[in-house]
Amino acid sequence: MNTNSFFQKIPQNWQELFRFGVVGVVATGIHYGVYLLLNLWIWTWLAYTIGYAVSFCINYLLTNYFTFRTKPSVKNGAGFALSHVINYTLHILLLELFLWIGIPEVWAPIPVYAIVIPVNFLILRRFFHAKK
């Protein structure tokens, strides 16, 4: 079976969701890896923030070119940045909550990702499909 014909039968929304998932796994892996590495030497919140910033840059490019098949622009860049201000705020608040209730530092980001990733997809989709 030709993979192109297979994917053409899948609705566009589901294709985007799948590509978002792939980009999310890559970005989350980068974020988590940087966090774990830096958390050995610096404050937890700072390690988490630096990991977030590194993954943010890669995520923006992949979201444009791969997920939504658009080109970077001021408009979608601003929307991406705004969505990630909201996203980052949720990340930090939830990270602190999960640390406070006793989840170890190594595992605390996992439930954070489970909550904020779906929220981020909905926000980003709105910005990348906004009418010009």
Protein backbone atom coordinates (compact mmCIF):
# COMPACT_ATOMS: atom_id res chain seq x y z
CA MET A 1 0.00 0.00 0.00
CA ASN A 2 1.27 3.44 -0.91
CA THR A 3 1.73 5.45 2.30
CA ASN A 4 0.73 8.69 0.56
CA SER A 5 -2.66 7.28 -0.40
CA PHE A 6 -3.05 5.92 3.14
CA PHE A 7 -2.41 9.33 4.72
CA GLN A 8 -4.60 11.11 2.17
CA LYS A 9 -7.58 9.13 3.50
CA ILE A 10 -7.00 10.43 7.03
CA PRO A 11 -8.79 13.73 7.77
CA GLN A 12 -6.52 16.78 7.89
CA ASN A 13 -7.27 17.40 11.58
CA TRP A 14 -6.07 13.92 12.49
CA GLN A 15 -2.95 14.29 10.36
CA GLU A 16 -2.11 17.51 12.19
CA LEU A 17 -2.75 15.90 15.54
CA PHE A 18 -0.40 13.02 14.64
CA ARG A 19 2.32 15.41 13.43
CA PHE A 20 1.81 17.53 16.57
CA GLY A 21 2.34 14.38 18.60
CA VAL A 22 5.60 13.60 16.80
CA VAL A 23 6.87 17.16 17.30
CA GLY A 24 5.67 17.08 20.90
CA VAL A 25 7.60 13.90 21.62
CA VAL A 26 10.77 15.40 20.12
CA ALA A 27 10.36 18.73 21.94
CA THR A 28 9.41 17.07 25.21
CA GLY A 29 12.38 14.72 24.96
CA ILE A 30 14.72 17.67 24.41
CA HIS A 31 13.12 19.60 27.29
CA TYR A 32 13.26 16.65 29.66
CA GLY A 33 16.83 15.72 28.69
CA VAL A 34 18.14 19.25 29.19
CA TYR A 35 16.21 19.49 32.48
CA LEU A 36 17.64 16.21 33.83
CA LEU A 37 21.17 17.14 32.82
CA LEU A 38 21.13 20.69 34.20
CA ASN A 39 19.20 19.69 37.33
CA LEU A 40 22.39 17.97 38.50
CA TRP A 41 24.10 21.38 38.88
CA ILE A 42 21.53 24.17 39.12
CA TRP A 43 18.16 24.94 40.74
CA THR A 44 15.27 22.79 39.56
CA TRP A 45 13.17 25.70 38.26
CA LEU A 46 16.14 27.13 36.33
CA ALA A 47 17.01 23.75 34.78
CA TYR A 48 13.36 23.37 33.79
CA THR A 49 13.26 26.86 32.30
CA ILE A 50 16.43 26.43 30.24
CA GLY A 51 15.16 23.09 28.95
CA TYR A 52 11.89 24.78 28.03
CA ALA A 53 13.69 27.56 26.14
CA VAL A 54 15.82 25.14 24.12
CA SER A 55 12.83 23.00 23.24
CA PHE A 56 10.79 26.15 22.43
CA CYS A 57 13.12 27.14 19.59
CA ILE A 58 13.17 23.69 18.01
CA ASN A 59 9.45 23.27 18.58
CA TYR A 60 8.61 26.53 16.76
CA LEU A 61 10.45 25.48 13.62
CA LEU A 62 9.04 21.95 13.63
CA THR A 63 5.52 23.22 14.34
CA ASN A 64 5.70 25.51 11.34
CA TYR A 65 7.30 23.25 8.79
CA PHE A 66 6.08 19.84 9.90
CA THR A 67 2.91 20.06 12.01
CA PHE A 68 0.90 22.80 10.30
CA ARG A 69 2.93 23.04 7.07
CA THR A 70 3.28 26.78 7.28
CA LYS A 71 6.21 29.15 7.15
CA PRO A 72 7.42 31.17 10.10
CA SER A 73 5.84 34.59 10.24
CA VAL A 74 5.45 37.41 12.70
CA LYS A 75 1.80 36.51 13.21
CA ASN A 76 2.23 32.81 13.91
CA GLY A 77 5.43 33.54 15.84
CA ALA A 78 3.54 35.92 18.10
CA GLY A 79 0.77 33.37 18.54
CA PHE A 80 3.31 30.65 19.26
CA ALA A 81 5.07 32.85 21.82
CA LEU A 82 1.77 33.81 23.49
CA SER A 83 0.63 30.20 23.65
CA HIS A 84 3.94 29.27 25.21
CA VAL A 85 3.72 32.04 27.81
CA ILE A 86 0.43 30.45 28.86
CA ASN A 87 1.95 26.99 28.47
CA TYR A 88 5.09 27.83 30.47
CA THR A 89 3.01 29.34 33.26
CA LEU A 90 0.98 26.14 33.46
CA HIS A 91 4.21 24.11 33.38
CA ILE A 92 5.79 25.95 36.31
CA LEU A 93 2.61 26.06 38.41
CA LEU A 94 1.92 22.38 37.89
CA LEU A 95 5.58 21.42 38.40
CA GLU A 96 5.59 23.24 41.74
CA LEU A 97 2.27 21.61 42.67
CA PHE A 98 3.51 18.11 41.88
CA LEU A 99 6.79 18.72 43.74
CA TRP A 100 4.81 20.09 46.69
CA ILE A 101 2.60 16.98 46.91
CA GLY A 102 5.73 14.84 47.01
CA ILE A 103 6.37 13.60 43.48
CA PRO A 104 10.16 13.25 43.05
CA GLU A 105 11.94 15.84 40.87
CA VAL A 106 12.78 13.20 38.27
CA TRP A 107 9.11 12.24 37.78
CA ALA A 108 7.27 15.51 38.44
CA PRO A 109 7.47 16.75 34.81
CA ILE A 110 5.62 13.68 33.49
CA PRO A 111 2.12 14.58 34.80
CA VAL A 112 2.82 18.20 33.86
CA TYR A 113 3.30 17.15 30.22
CA ALA A 114 0.13 15.05 30.30
CA ILE A 115 -1.92 18.12 31.22
CA VAL A 116 -0.32 20.94 29.25
CA ILE A 117 0.37 19.25 25.91
CA PRO A 118 -3.32 18.89 24.89
CA VAL A 119 -4.00 22.46 26.03
CA ASN A 120 -1.08 23.71 23.94
CA PHE A 121 -2.28 21.89 20.80
CA LEU A 122 -5.68 23.59 20.98
CA ILE A 123 -4.14 27.02 21.45
CA LEU A 124 -1.55 26.57 18.69
CA ARG A 125 -4.04 25.19 16.21
CA ARG A 126 -6.11 28.32 16.65
CA PHE A 127 -3.13 30.59 15.86
CA PHE A 128 -1.78 28.60 12.93
CA HIS A 129 -5.19 28.32 11.27
CA ALA A 130 -6.35 31.87 11.95
CA LYS A 131 -7.73 33.69 8.94
CA LYS A 132 -5.38 36.29 7.54
